[in-house]
Amino acid sequence: MKYVEVLRHPLFIRLVHWSIVITGLILAISGMELGGLYGVRVFGENVLMIHITVAFVFGCLWGMFGYYMIAKEWKWISLGRIPYSIKFLYREALAWCLLGPHVKDPRGYSLKKRDYVEKIIPTQVMVWWIYVLLALLMGITGFAMYYPDQLRPIVDLAQAIGSWFNPAGQMDGYTFLRALHRLGMYLFGLVMFMHMYAVVIFGVLPSMFTGKRREKVLEE
């Protein structure tokens, strides 16, 4: 098998990626402190302002990251590839349950085209869209709680939906938004740990530091 070292991640995307990681950790820590979870005490009396300020930065970083992915990586993470991603996950799940062989790693590079034949592990398509949905959930619920007057329609909608889950038929919109925000935090953490596991297992992590990776040469 022939291999070639190629630029996988440009400097811009590496800087944005690690900035998202850092701001995400600050949001997680400050959010747990705000919610009184696990006895976290780091930022003290400035915790709310830090949380909101970093949330704006986090959102801007995600905007830049999303723009790059749509402009440069769309053919790898488009919605049309979700069925392919699910099929790959299903076959891999069978393999882990000893009900079939592991799926061959589809990633590879074409020297003729000077481009990837396949750049990502297919399940990364689902991971990307789950990240997008959770980031939107966290942003909408978080800012609706902080700016309830400006985002009154969202608060009212949350109250209407929340009442379905309360036996008494009443639930404050803020309470429901807070519950959704906390659920989003846990789901975000779960997906993040799955992402960390995958990038280590599939040997992608070093390229997010150096930008380069040795890829299989696949010619069509």
N, C-alpha and C. Protein backbone atom coordinates (compact mmCIF):
# COMPACT_ATOMS: atom_id res chain seq x y z
N MET A 1 0.85 -1.20 0.00
CA MET A 1 0.00 0.00 0.00
C MET A 1 0.88 1.25 0.00
N LYS A 2 0.61 2.15 -0.93
CA LYS A 2 1.40 3.37 -1.05
C LYS A 2 0.75 4.48 -0.23
N TYR A 3 1.57 5.31 0.42
CA TYR A 3 1.09 6.42 1.23
C TYR A 3 1.75 7.72 0.78
N VAL A 4 1.05 8.83 1.02
CA VAL A 4 1.59 10.13 0.70
C VAL A 4 1.19 11.11 1.80
N GLU A 5 2.12 11.99 2.18
CA GLU A 5 1.82 13.00 3.20
C GLU A 5 1.17 14.20 2.52
N VAL A 6 -0.01 14.57 3.01
CA VAL A 6 -0.75 15.69 2.41
C VAL A 6 -1.21 16.65 3.51
N LEU A 7 -1.54 17.87 3.10
CA LEU A 7 -2.11 18.84 4.03
C LEU A 7 -3.58 18.50 4.23
N ARG A 8 -3.93 18.11 5.43
CA ARG A 8 -5.31 17.73 5.74
C ARG A 8 -6.10 18.90 6.31
N HIS A 9 -5.46 19.67 7.20
CA HIS A 9 -6.13 20.79 7.86
C HIS A 9 -5.27 22.05 7.74
N PRO A 10 -5.73 23.09 7.05
CA PRO A 10 -4.96 24.34 6.98
C PRO A 10 -4.89 25.01 8.35
N LEU A 11 -3.95 25.94 8.47
CA LEU A 11 -3.71 26.62 9.75
C LEU A 11 -4.98 27.28 10.28
N PHE A 12 -5.75 27.92 9.40
CA PHE A 12 -6.96 28.62 9.83
C PHE A 12 -7.91 27.68 10.57
N ILE A 13 -8.18 26.52 10.00
CA ILE A 13 -9.15 25.62 10.59
C ILE A 13 -8.61 25.01 11.88
N ARG A 14 -7.30 24.83 11.96
CA ARG A 14 -6.71 24.31 13.20
C ARG A 14 -6.85 25.32 14.33
N LEU A 15 -6.59 26.59 14.02
CA LEU A 15 -6.73 27.64 15.04
C LEU A 15 -8.18 27.77 15.50
N VAL A 16 -9.10 27.75 14.55
CA VAL A 16 -10.52 27.86 14.91
C VAL A 16 -10.96 26.64 15.71
N HIS A 17 -10.53 25.46 15.29
CA HIS A 17 -10.91 24.23 15.99
C HIS A 17 -10.48 24.26 17.45
N TRP A 18 -9.22 24.58 17.71
CA TRP A 18 -8.72 24.58 19.09
C TRP A 18 -9.29 25.75 19.89
N SER A 19 -9.62 26.83 19.22
CA SER A 19 -10.30 27.93 19.91
C SER A 19 -11.70 27.51 20.35
N ILE A 20 -12.38 26.73 19.51
CA ILE A 20 -13.69 26.19 19.89
C ILE A 20 -13.55 25.25 21.08
N VAL A 21 -12.51 24.43 21.08
CA VAL A 21 -12.28 23.52 22.20
C VAL A 21 -12.08 24.29 23.50
N ILE A 22 -11.23 25.32 23.46
CA ILE A 22 -10.92 26.10 24.66
C ILE A 22 -12.15 26.85 25.17
N THR A 23 -12.83 27.56 24.26
CA THR A 23 -14.02 28.30 24.70
C THR A 23 -15.13 27.35 25.14
N GLY A 24 -15.21 26.18 24.49
CA GLY A 24 -16.21 25.19 24.91
C GLY A 24 -15.96 24.70 26.32
N LEU A 25 -14.70 24.49 26.67
CA LEU A 25 -14.37 24.06 28.04
C LEU A 25 -14.71 25.15 29.05
N ILE A 26 -14.42 26.42 28.70
CA ILE A 26 -14.76 27.52 29.59
C ILE A 26 -16.27 27.60 29.78
N LEU A 27 -17.02 27.41 28.69
CA LEU A 27 -18.49 27.43 28.78
C LEU A 27 -18.99 26.29 29.65
N ALA A 28 -18.39 25.11 29.51
CA ALA A 28 -18.82 23.97 30.31
C ALA A 28 -18.57 24.21 31.80
N ILE A 29 -17.39 24.71 32.12
CA ILE A 29 -17.03 24.93 33.52
C ILE A 29 -17.89 26.04 34.13
N SER A 30 -17.99 27.16 33.41
CA SER A 30 -18.80 28.28 33.93
C SER A 30 -20.28 27.91 33.97
N GLY A 31 -20.73 27.11 33.01
CA GLY A 31 -22.13 26.69 33.01
C GLY A 31 -22.45 25.79 34.19
N MET A 32 -21.56 24.88 34.51
CA MET A 32 -21.77 24.02 35.67
C MET A 32 -21.75 24.83 36.96
N GLU A 33 -20.90 25.85 36.99
CA GLU A 33 -20.86 26.72 38.16
C GLU A 33 -22.16 27.50 38.30
N LEU A 34 -22.67 28.01 37.18
CA LEU A 34 -23.95 28.74 37.21
C LEU A 34 -25.10 27.83 37.65
N GLY A 35 -25.06 26.57 37.20
CA GLY A 35 -26.13 25.64 37.53
C GLY A 35 -25.96 24.95 38.87
N GLY A 36 -24.87 25.25 39.57
CA GLY A 36 -24.64 24.62 40.86
C GLY A 36 -24.38 23.13 40.75
N LEU A 37 -23.74 22.72 39.66
CA LEU A 37 -23.50 21.29 39.42
C LEU A 37 -22.12 20.86 39.90
N TYR A 38 -22.10 19.75 40.60
CA TYR A 38 -20.86 19.07 40.99
C TYR A 38 -19.92 19.92 41.84
N GLY A 39 -20.46 20.95 42.47
CA GLY A 39 -19.65 21.78 43.36
C GLY A 39 -18.57 22.59 42.66
N VAL A 40 -18.75 22.86 41.36
CA VAL A 40 -17.75 23.61 40.59
C VAL A 40 -17.74 25.07 41.03
N ARG A 41 -16.57 25.57 41.42
CA ARG A 41 -16.39 26.96 41.83
C ARG A 41 -15.07 27.45 41.26
N VAL A 42 -15.13 28.18 40.16
CA VAL A 42 -13.90 28.63 39.48
C VAL A 42 -13.90 30.14 39.26
N PHE A 43 -14.99 30.68 38.70
CA PHE A 43 -15.00 32.07 38.25
C PHE A 43 -15.62 33.05 39.24
N GLY A 44 -16.28 32.55 40.27
CA GLY A 44 -16.80 33.42 41.31
C GLY A 44 -17.93 34.33 40.85
N GLU A 45 -17.93 35.56 41.32
CA GLU A 45 -19.05 36.47 41.08
C GLU A 45 -19.16 36.93 39.63
N ASN A 46 -18.11 36.75 38.85
CA ASN A 46 -18.13 37.16 37.45
C ASN A 46 -18.55 36.03 36.50
N VAL A 47 -19.02 34.93 37.06
CA VAL A 47 -19.27 33.74 36.25
C VAL A 47 -20.31 33.97 35.15
N LEU A 48 -21.38 34.70 35.44
CA LEU A 48 -22.42 34.90 34.44
C LEU A 48 -21.90 35.73 33.26
N MET A 49 -21.19 36.81 33.55
CA MET A 49 -20.66 37.65 32.48
C MET A 49 -19.64 36.90 31.65
N ILE A 50 -18.81 36.10 32.31
CA ILE A 50 -17.83 35.29 31.59
C ILE A 50 -18.54 34.30 30.68
N HIS A 51 -19.58 33.65 31.20
CA HIS A 51 -20.31 32.64 30.44
C HIS A 51 -20.95 33.26 29.19
N ILE A 52 -21.58 34.40 29.35
CA ILE A 52 -22.25 35.05 28.22
C ILE A 52 -21.25 35.57 27.20
N THR A 53 -20.18 36.21 27.68
CA THR A 53 -19.17 36.76 26.77
C THR A 53 -18.52 35.65 25.95
N VAL A 54 -18.13 34.58 26.63
CA VAL A 54 -17.49 33.46 25.93
C VAL A 54 -18.49 32.79 24.98
N ALA A 55 -19.77 32.80 25.35
CA ALA A 55 -20.80 32.21 24.48
C ALA A 55 -20.85 32.95 23.14
N PHE A 56 -20.74 34.28 23.17
CA PHE A 56 -20.71 35.06 21.93
C PHE A 56 -19.49 34.68 21.09
N VAL A 57 -18.33 34.56 21.74
CA VAL A 57 -17.11 34.18 21.04
C VAL A 57 -17.24 32.78 20.45
N PHE A 58 -17.79 31.88 21.25
CA PHE A 58 -18.01 30.49 20.81
C PHE A 58 -18.90 30.47 19.56
N GLY A 59 -19.96 31.27 19.59
CA GLY A 59 -20.87 31.33 18.45
C GLY A 59 -20.19 31.86 17.19
N CYS A 60 -19.36 32.89 17.35
CA CYS A 60 -18.63 33.44 16.21
C CYS A 60 -17.64 32.42 15.63
N LEU A 61 -16.98 31.70 16.52
CA LEU A 61 -16.04 30.67 16.07
C LEU A 61 -16.76 29.57 15.31
N TRP A 62 -17.93 29.17 15.82
CA TRP A 62 -18.70 28.16 15.13
C TRP A 62 -19.18 28.66 13.78
N GLY A 63 -19.47 29.96 13.70
CA GLY A 63 -19.86 30.55 12.43
C GLY A 63 -18.74 30.45 11.41
N MET A 64 -17.51 30.76 11.84
CA MET A 64 -16.36 30.67 10.94
C MET A 64 -16.09 29.23 10.54
N PHE A 65 -16.18 28.34 11.53
CA PHE A 65 -15.94 26.92 11.26
C PHE A 65 -16.99 26.38 10.29
N GLY A 66 -18.25 26.76 10.53
CA GLY A 66 -19.33 26.31 9.66
C GLY A 66 -19.18 26.84 8.24
N TYR A 67 -18.76 28.10 8.11
CA TYR A 67 -18.56 28.68 6.78
C TYR A 67 -17.48 27.91 6.02
N TYR A 68 -16.39 27.59 6.72
CA TYR A 68 -15.32 26.84 6.07
C TYR A 68 -15.81 25.46 5.64
N MET A 69 -16.54 24.78 6.51
CA MET A 69 -17.01 23.44 6.19
C MET A 69 -17.96 23.44 5.00
N ILE A 70 -18.82 24.44 4.92
CA ILE A 70 -19.75 24.53 3.80
C ILE A 70 -19.03 24.91 2.51
N ALA A 71 -18.08 25.83 2.62
CA ALA A 71 -17.37 26.31 1.44
C ALA A 71 -16.33 25.32 0.91
N LYS A 72 -15.65 24.62 1.83
CA LYS A 72 -14.53 23.78 1.43
C LYS A 72 -14.75 22.28 1.59
N GLU A 73 -15.62 21.88 2.51
CA GLU A 73 -15.76 20.46 2.85
C GLU A 73 -17.16 19.92 2.61
N TRP A 74 -17.99 20.68 1.91
CA TRP A 74 -19.40 20.31 1.79
C TRP A 74 -19.59 18.92 1.17
N LYS A 75 -18.76 18.56 0.22
CA LYS A 75 -18.95 17.27 -0.43
C LYS A 75 -18.71 16.10 0.52
N TRP A 76 -18.04 16.38 1.66
CA TRP A 76 -17.80 15.31 2.63
C TRP A 76 -18.86 15.27 3.72
N ILE A 77 -19.48 16.41 4.03
CA ILE A 77 -20.41 16.44 5.17
C ILE A 77 -21.83 16.84 4.78
N SER A 78 -22.15 16.81 3.51
CA SER A 78 -23.47 17.24 3.06
C SER A 78 -24.58 16.33 3.62
N LEU A 79 -25.79 16.88 3.68
CA LEU A 79 -26.93 16.12 4.18
C LEU A 79 -27.19 14.86 3.36
N GLY A 80 -26.86 14.92 2.08
CA GLY A 80 -27.09 13.78 1.21
C GLY A 80 -26.24 12.57 1.56
N ARG A 81 -25.18 12.78 2.39
CA ARG A 81 -24.31 11.67 2.78
C ARG A 81 -24.72 11.03 4.09
N ILE A 82 -25.78 11.52 4.71
CA ILE A 82 -26.23 10.95 5.99
C ILE A 82 -26.64 9.49 5.85
N PRO A 83 -27.42 9.09 4.80
CA PRO A 83 -27.74 7.65 4.66
C PRO A 83 -26.49 6.77 4.57
N TYR A 84 -25.48 7.26 3.83
CA TYR A 84 -24.20 6.55 3.73
C TYR A 84 -23.54 6.43 5.10
N SER A 85 -23.63 7.49 5.88
CA SER A 85 -23.06 7.50 7.23
C SER A 85 -23.77 6.50 8.13
N ILE A 86 -25.09 6.46 8.05
CA ILE A 86 -25.87 5.53 8.88
C ILE A 86 -25.57 4.09 8.50
N LYS A 87 -25.46 3.83 7.19
CA LYS A 87 -25.14 2.49 6.73
C LYS A 87 -23.79 2.03 7.23
N PHE A 88 -22.80 2.94 7.21
CA PHE A 88 -21.46 2.62 7.71
C PHE A 88 -21.51 2.30 9.20
N LEU A 89 -22.25 3.13 9.96
CA LEU A 89 -22.37 2.92 11.39
C LEU A 89 -23.04 1.58 11.69
N TYR A 90 -24.08 1.25 10.93
CA TYR A 90 -24.80 -0.01 11.13
C TYR A 90 -23.87 -1.21 10.90
N ARG A 91 -23.10 -1.15 9.82
CA ARG A 91 -22.20 -2.27 9.50
C ARG A 91 -21.08 -2.38 10.52
N GLU A 92 -20.60 -1.24 11.01
CA GLU A 92 -19.57 -1.27 12.04
C GLU A 92 -20.12 -1.79 13.36
N ALA A 93 -21.37 -1.43 13.67
CA ALA A 93 -22.01 -1.93 14.90
C ALA A 93 -22.13 -3.45 14.85
N LEU A 94 -22.49 -3.98 13.68
CA LEU A 94 -22.56 -5.44 13.53
C LEU A 94 -21.19 -6.07 13.74
N ALA A 95 -20.16 -5.41 13.23
CA ALA A 95 -18.80 -5.94 13.38
C ALA A 95 -18.37 -5.97 14.83
N TRP A 96 -18.69 -4.91 15.58
CA TRP A 96 -18.34 -4.87 16.99
C TRP A 96 -19.10 -5.92 17.79
N CYS A 97 -20.26 -6.31 17.29
CA CYS A 97 -21.06 -7.37 17.93
C CYS A 97 -20.69 -8.75 17.40
N LEU A 98 -19.60 -8.82 16.62
CA LEU A 98 -19.09 -10.07 16.05
C LEU A 98 -20.09 -10.71 15.09
N LEU A 99 -20.87 -9.87 14.42
CA LEU A 99 -21.86 -10.38 13.47
C LEU A 99 -21.47 -10.07 12.03
N GLY A 100 -20.23 -9.68 11.84
CA GLY A 100 -19.78 -9.38 10.48
C GLY A 100 -18.39 -8.78 10.51
N PRO A 101 -17.75 -8.65 9.36
CA PRO A 101 -16.40 -8.07 9.30
C PRO A 101 -16.43 -6.55 9.45
N HIS A 102 -15.33 -6.00 9.93
CA HIS A 102 -15.22 -4.55 10.02
C HIS A 102 -15.17 -3.95 8.61
N VAL A 103 -15.78 -2.78 8.46
CA VAL A 103 -15.81 -2.12 7.16
C VAL A 103 -14.42 -1.54 6.86
N LYS A 104 -13.99 -1.68 5.63
CA LYS A 104 -12.69 -1.15 5.23
C LYS A 104 -12.69 0.37 5.34
N ASP A 105 -11.61 0.90 5.88
CA ASP A 105 -11.45 2.35 5.99
C ASP A 105 -11.48 2.96 4.59
N PRO A 106 -12.48 3.80 4.29
CA PRO A 106 -12.62 4.31 2.92
C PRO A 106 -11.72 5.50 2.59
N ARG A 107 -11.02 6.04 3.57
CA ARG A 107 -10.24 7.25 3.34
C ARG A 107 -9.06 6.99 2.40
N GLY A 108 -8.81 7.93 1.53
CA GLY A 108 -7.68 7.79 0.63
C GLY A 108 -7.50 9.03 -0.23
N TYR A 109 -6.33 9.13 -0.86
CA TYR A 109 -5.96 10.31 -1.63
C TYR A 109 -5.60 9.91 -3.06
N SER A 110 -5.99 10.77 -4.02
CA SER A 110 -5.66 10.54 -5.42
C SER A 110 -4.54 11.48 -5.85
N LEU A 111 -3.42 10.89 -6.27
CA LEU A 111 -2.30 11.71 -6.74
C LEU A 111 -2.63 12.38 -8.07
N LYS A 112 -3.43 11.72 -8.90
CA LYS A 112 -3.79 12.30 -10.18
C LYS A 112 -4.64 13.55 -10.00
N LYS A 113 -5.62 13.46 -9.11
CA LYS A 113 -6.52 14.59 -8.89
C LYS A 113 -5.98 15.59 -7.89
N ARG A 114 -4.94 15.17 -7.14
CA ARG A 114 -4.41 16.00 -6.05
C ARG A 114 -5.51 16.38 -5.06
N ASP A 115 -6.32 15.39 -4.74
CA ASP A 115 -7.44 15.61 -3.82
C ASP A 115 -7.81 14.27 -3.19
N TYR A 116 -8.59 14.38 -2.12
CA TYR A 116 -9.05 13.17 -1.45
C TYR A 116 -10.09 12.43 -2.28
N VAL A 117 -10.01 11.11 -2.26
CA VAL A 117 -11.09 10.27 -2.79
C VAL A 117 -12.18 10.17 -1.72
N GLU A 118 -11.74 10.03 -0.49
CA GLU A 118 -12.63 10.08 0.68
C GLU A 118 -11.80 10.64 1.82
N LYS A 119 -12.29 11.69 2.46
CA LYS A 119 -11.48 12.38 3.47
C LYS A 119 -11.81 11.99 4.89
N ILE A 120 -13.05 11.59 5.14
CA ILE A 120 -13.47 11.37 6.53
C ILE A 120 -14.02 9.96 6.74
N ILE A 121 -14.02 9.53 8.00
CA ILE A 121 -14.76 8.34 8.38
C ILE A 121 -16.24 8.68 8.25
N PRO A 122 -17.03 7.88 7.56
CA PRO A 122 -18.41 8.25 7.25
C PRO A 122 -19.27 8.68 8.44
N THR A 123 -19.04 8.09 9.61
CA THR A 123 -19.85 8.47 10.76
C THR A 123 -19.63 9.93 11.17
N GLN A 124 -18.55 10.52 10.69
CA GLN A 124 -18.28 11.93 11.02
C GLN A 124 -19.33 12.85 10.43
N VAL A 125 -20.02 12.39 9.38
CA VAL A 125 -21.11 13.18 8.80
C VAL A 125 -22.19 13.40 9.85
N MET A 126 -22.59 12.32 10.52
CA MET A 126 -23.62 12.44 11.56
C MET A 126 -23.12 13.27 12.73
N VAL A 127 -21.86 13.06 13.11
CA VAL A 127 -21.30 13.80 14.24
C VAL A 127 -21.34 15.31 13.95
N TRP A 128 -20.99 15.69 12.73
CA TRP A 128 -21.00 17.10 12.36
C TRP A 128 -22.39 17.70 12.53
N TRP A 129 -23.42 17.05 12.00
CA TRP A 129 -24.76 17.60 12.05
C TRP A 129 -25.34 17.56 13.46
N ILE A 130 -24.94 16.58 14.26
CA ILE A 130 -25.36 16.57 15.66
C ILE A 130 -24.74 17.75 16.39
N TYR A 131 -23.46 18.01 16.12
CA TYR A 131 -22.80 19.18 16.71
C TYR A 131 -23.53 20.47 16.33
N VAL A 132 -23.89 20.62 15.06
CA VAL A 132 -24.58 21.81 14.59
C VAL A 132 -25.90 21.99 15.32
N LEU A 133 -26.69 20.93 15.41
CA LEU A 133 -28.00 21.00 16.06
C LEU A 133 -27.86 21.33 17.55
N LEU A 134 -26.88 20.71 18.21
CA LEU A 134 -26.69 20.97 19.63
C LEU A 134 -26.17 22.39 19.88
N ALA A 135 -25.30 22.87 19.00
CA ALA A 135 -24.81 24.24 19.15
C ALA A 135 -25.96 25.24 19.00
N LEU A 136 -26.86 24.98 18.05
CA LEU A 136 -28.03 25.84 17.89
C LEU A 136 -28.94 25.76 19.11
N LEU A 137 -29.15 24.55 19.62
CA LEU A 137 -29.99 24.38 20.81
C LEU A 137 -29.42 25.14 21.99
N MET A 138 -28.12 24.99 22.22
CA MET A 138 -27.48 25.67 23.35
C MET A 138 -27.52 27.18 23.19
N GLY A 139 -27.29 27.65 21.96
CA GLY A 139 -27.30 29.09 21.72
C GLY A 139 -28.69 29.68 21.91
N ILE A 140 -29.69 29.07 21.31
CA ILE A 140 -31.06 29.60 21.39
C ILE A 140 -31.58 29.59 22.82
N THR A 141 -31.42 28.47 23.51
CA THR A 141 -31.93 28.39 24.89
C THR A 141 -31.15 29.30 25.82
N GLY A 142 -29.83 29.36 25.64
CA GLY A 142 -29.02 30.19 26.52
C GLY A 142 -29.32 31.67 26.38
N PHE A 143 -29.36 32.16 25.15
CA PHE A 143 -29.63 33.59 24.94
C PHE A 143 -31.08 33.95 25.25
N ALA A 144 -32.00 32.99 25.08
CA ALA A 144 -33.40 33.25 25.44
C ALA A 144 -33.54 33.43 26.95
N MET A 145 -32.74 32.69 27.71
CA MET A 145 -32.78 32.86 29.16
C MET A 145 -32.16 34.18 29.60
N TYR A 146 -31.11 34.60 28.88
CA TYR A 146 -30.41 35.82 29.27
C TYR A 146 -31.12 37.07 28.73
N TYR A 147 -31.79 36.94 27.58
CA TYR A 147 -32.52 38.06 26.98
C TYR A 147 -33.99 37.70 26.79
N PRO A 148 -34.70 37.45 27.89
CA PRO A 148 -36.10 36.99 27.77
C PRO A 148 -37.04 38.00 27.11
N ASP A 149 -36.80 39.29 27.31
CA ASP A 149 -37.67 40.30 26.71
C ASP A 149 -37.46 40.38 25.20
N GLN A 150 -36.21 40.38 24.78
CA GLN A 150 -35.92 40.47 23.36
C GLN A 150 -36.30 39.19 22.61
N LEU A 151 -36.25 38.07 23.31
CA LEU A 151 -36.57 36.78 22.69
C LEU A 151 -37.84 36.19 23.29
N ARG A 152 -38.81 37.05 23.56
CA ARG A 152 -40.06 36.64 24.19
C ARG A 152 -40.79 35.52 23.43
N PRO A 153 -40.83 35.52 22.08
CA PRO A 153 -41.52 34.43 21.39
C PRO A 153 -40.94 33.05 21.72
N ILE A 154 -39.63 32.99 21.89
CA ILE A 154 -38.99 31.71 22.23
C ILE A 154 -39.37 31.29 23.64
N VAL A 155 -39.37 32.25 24.57
CA VAL A 155 -39.75 31.95 25.96
C VAL A 155 -41.19 31.49 26.03
N ASP A 156 -42.06 32.16 25.30
CA ASP A 156 -43.48 31.78 25.29
C ASP A 156 -43.66 30.39 24.70
N LEU A 157 -42.94 30.10 23.64
CA LEU A 157 -43.01 28.77 23.03
C LEU A 157 -42.52 27.70 24.01
N ALA A 158 -41.44 28.02 24.72
CA ALA A 158 -40.91 27.08 25.70
C ALA A 158 -41.93 26.82 26.81
N GLN A 159 -42.64 27.86 27.24
CA GLN A 159 -43.65 27.68 28.27
C GLN A 159 -44.81 26.82 27.76
N ALA A 160 -45.20 27.04 26.51
CA ALA A 160 -46.30 26.25 25.94
C ALA A 160 -45.92 24.78 25.83
N ILE A 161 -44.70 24.52 25.36
CA ILE A 161 -44.25 23.14 25.22
C ILE A 161 -44.01 22.51 26.59
N GLY A 162 -43.43 23.30 27.50
CA GLY A 162 -43.14 22.78 28.83
C GLY A 162 -44.36 22.35 29.59
N SER A 163 -45.48 23.01 29.33
CA SER A 163 -46.71 22.65 30.04
C SER A 163 -47.19 21.24 29.69
N TRP A 164 -46.76 20.72 28.54
CA TRP A 164 -47.14 19.36 28.16
C TRP A 164 -46.50 18.32 29.07
N PHE A 165 -45.34 18.68 29.66
CA PHE A 165 -44.59 17.73 30.46
C PHE A 165 -44.87 17.87 31.96
N ASN A 166 -45.72 18.80 32.32
CA ASN A 166 -46.03 19.04 33.73
C ASN A 166 -47.45 18.57 34.03
N PRO A 167 -47.61 17.68 35.00
CA PRO A 167 -48.95 17.17 35.31
C PRO A 167 -49.96 18.26 35.64
N ALA A 168 -49.49 19.36 36.22
CA ALA A 168 -50.40 20.44 36.59
C ALA A 168 -50.73 21.34 35.39
N GLY A 169 -50.05 21.09 34.28
CA GLY A 169 -50.33 21.87 33.08
C GLY A 169 -49.66 23.23 33.06
N GLN A 170 -48.74 23.48 34.00
CA GLN A 170 -48.06 24.77 34.07
C GLN A 170 -46.57 24.56 34.24
N MET A 171 -45.80 25.24 33.43
CA MET A 171 -44.35 25.23 33.61
C MET A 171 -43.81 26.55 33.09
N ASP A 172 -43.01 27.19 33.92
CA ASP A 172 -42.40 28.45 33.53
C ASP A 172 -41.48 28.25 32.33
N GLY A 173 -41.55 29.18 31.36
CA GLY A 173 -40.74 29.06 30.16
C GLY A 173 -39.26 29.01 30.46
N TYR A 174 -38.82 29.78 31.44
CA TYR A 174 -37.41 29.81 31.82
C TYR A 174 -36.97 28.43 32.32
N THR A 175 -37.82 27.79 33.12
CA THR A 175 -37.49 26.47 33.66
C THR A 175 -37.31 25.45 32.56
N PHE A 176 -38.20 25.49 31.56
CA PHE A 176 -38.09 24.54 30.46
C PHE A 176 -36.86 24.83 29.62
N LEU A 177 -36.56 26.09 29.38
CA LEU A 177 -35.36 26.45 28.63
C LEU A 177 -34.10 26.00 29.36
N ARG A 178 -34.12 26.16 30.67
CA ARG A 178 -32.96 25.74 31.46
C ARG A 178 -32.77 24.22 31.39
N ALA A 179 -33.88 23.48 31.42
CA ALA A 179 -33.80 22.02 31.32
C ALA A 179 -33.25 21.60 29.96
N LEU A 180 -33.71 22.26 28.89
CA LEU A 180 -33.21 21.96 27.56
C LEU A 180 -31.73 22.31 27.44
N HIS A 181 -31.35 23.42 28.03
CA HIS A 181 -29.96 23.88 27.97
C HIS A 181 -29.06 22.87 28.68
N ARG A 182 -29.51 22.39 29.83
CA ARG A 182 -28.72 21.41 30.57
C ARG A 182 -28.65 20.09 29.82
N LEU A 183 -29.76 19.66 29.23
CA LEU A 183 -29.76 18.43 28.43
C LEU A 183 -28.78 18.58 27.26
N GLY A 184 -28.80 19.74 26.60
CA GLY A 184 -27.87 19.99 25.51
C GLY A 184 -26.42 19.89 25.95
N MET A 185 -26.14 20.37 27.18
CA MET A 185 -24.78 20.30 27.71
C MET A 185 -24.32 18.85 27.83
N TYR A 186 -25.17 18.01 28.38
CA TYR A 186 -24.80 16.60 28.55
C TYR A 186 -24.62 15.90 27.21
N LEU A 187 -25.53 16.18 26.27
CA LEU A 187 -25.43 15.57 24.95
C LEU A 187 -24.18 16.05 24.21
N PHE A 188 -23.89 17.36 24.36
CA PHE A 188 -22.69 17.92 23.74
C PHE A 188 -21.45 17.21 24.29
N GLY A 189 -21.43 17.02 25.60
CA GLY A 189 -20.30 16.33 26.22
C GLY A 189 -20.17 14.90 25.73
N LEU A 190 -21.30 14.21 25.59
CA LEU A 190 -21.28 12.83 25.12
C LEU A 190 -20.73 12.73 23.70
N VAL A 191 -21.22 13.60 22.81
CA VAL A 191 -20.74 13.60 21.43
C VAL A 191 -19.26 13.98 21.37
N MET A 192 -18.86 14.91 22.24
CA MET A 192 -17.46 15.33 22.25
C MET A 192 -16.55 14.17 22.62
N PHE A 193 -16.94 13.38 23.64
CA PHE A 193 -16.11 12.24 24.04
C PHE A 193 -16.09 11.17 22.95
N MET A 194 -17.21 10.97 22.26
CA MET A 194 -17.24 10.03 21.14
C MET A 194 -16.32 10.51 20.02
N HIS A 195 -16.33 11.83 19.80
CA HIS A 195 -15.47 12.43 18.78
C HIS A 195 -14.00 12.25 19.15
N MET A 196 -13.67 12.47 20.42
CA MET A 196 -12.30 12.31 20.88
C MET A 196 -11.83 10.87 20.70
N TYR A 197 -12.70 9.93 21.05
CA TYR A 197 -12.37 8.51 20.90
C TYR A 197 -12.10 8.18 19.44
N ALA A 198 -12.98 8.67 18.54
CA ALA A 198 -12.86 8.35 17.12
C ALA A 198 -11.57 8.91 16.51
N VAL A 199 -11.24 10.17 16.83
CA VAL A 199 -10.06 10.78 16.21
C VAL A 199 -8.77 10.09 16.67
N VAL A 200 -8.79 9.54 17.89
CA VAL A 200 -7.62 8.80 18.37
C VAL A 200 -7.55 7.44 17.70
N ILE A 201 -8.68 6.72 17.68
CA ILE A 201 -8.72 5.38 17.09
C ILE A 201 -8.37 5.40 15.61
N PHE A 202 -8.87 6.41 14.89
CA PHE A 202 -8.65 6.48 13.44
C PHE A 202 -7.44 7.34 13.07
N GLY A 203 -6.63 7.72 14.06
CA GLY A 203 -5.36 8.37 13.78
C GLY A 203 -5.42 9.74 13.15
N VAL A 204 -6.42 10.54 13.54
CA VAL A 204 -6.57 11.87 12.95
C VAL A 204 -6.05 12.98 13.86
N LEU A 205 -5.95 12.71 15.14
CA LEU A 205 -5.61 13.75 16.11
C LEU A 205 -4.31 14.49 15.79
N PRO A 206 -3.20 13.79 15.48
CA PRO A 206 -1.95 14.54 15.21
C PRO A 206 -2.08 15.56 14.09
N SER A 207 -2.92 15.27 13.08
CA SER A 207 -3.06 16.20 11.95
C SER A 207 -3.75 17.49 12.34
N MET A 208 -4.48 17.47 13.47
CA MET A 208 -5.11 18.70 13.92
C MET A 208 -4.10 19.61 14.63
N PHE A 209 -2.91 19.08 14.89
CA PHE A 209 -1.81 19.90 15.41
C PHE A 209 -0.86 20.31 14.29
N THR A 210 -0.46 19.34 13.47
CA THR A 210 0.54 19.62 12.43
C THR A 210 -0.09 20.06 11.11
N GLY A 211 -1.33 19.67 10.89
CA GLY A 211 -2.00 19.96 9.63
C GLY A 211 -1.82 18.88 8.59
N LYS A 212 -0.81 18.01 8.77
CA LYS A 212 -0.49 17.01 7.76
C LYS A 212 -0.79 15.59 8.25
N ARG A 213 -1.03 14.72 7.27
CA ARG A 213 -1.29 13.31 7.59
C ARG A 213 -0.88 12.43 6.41
N ARG A 214 -0.35 11.25 6.73
CA ARG A 214 -0.02 10.26 5.69
C ARG A 214 -1.30 9.53 5.30
N GLU A 215 -1.67 9.64 4.05
CA GLU A 215 -2.92 9.04 3.56
C GLU A 215 -2.61 7.93 2.55
N LYS A 216 -3.51 6.95 2.51
CA LYS A 216 -3.40 5.90 1.51
C LYS A 216 -3.62 6.51 0.12
N VAL A 217 -2.88 6.02 -0.84
CA VAL A 217 -3.07 6.48 -2.21
C VAL A 217 -4.08 5.56 -2.88
N LEU A 218 -5.19 6.14 -3.31
CA LEU A 218 -6.24 5.41 -4.01
C LEU A 218 -6.44 6.05 -5.36
N GLU A 219 -6.21 5.32 -6.40
CA GLU A 219 -6.40 5.85 -7.75
C GLU A 219 -7.63 5.23 -8.38
N GLU A 220 -8.44 6.06 -9.02
CA GLU A 220 -9.67 5.58 -9.65
C GLU A 220 -9.45 5.40 -11.15
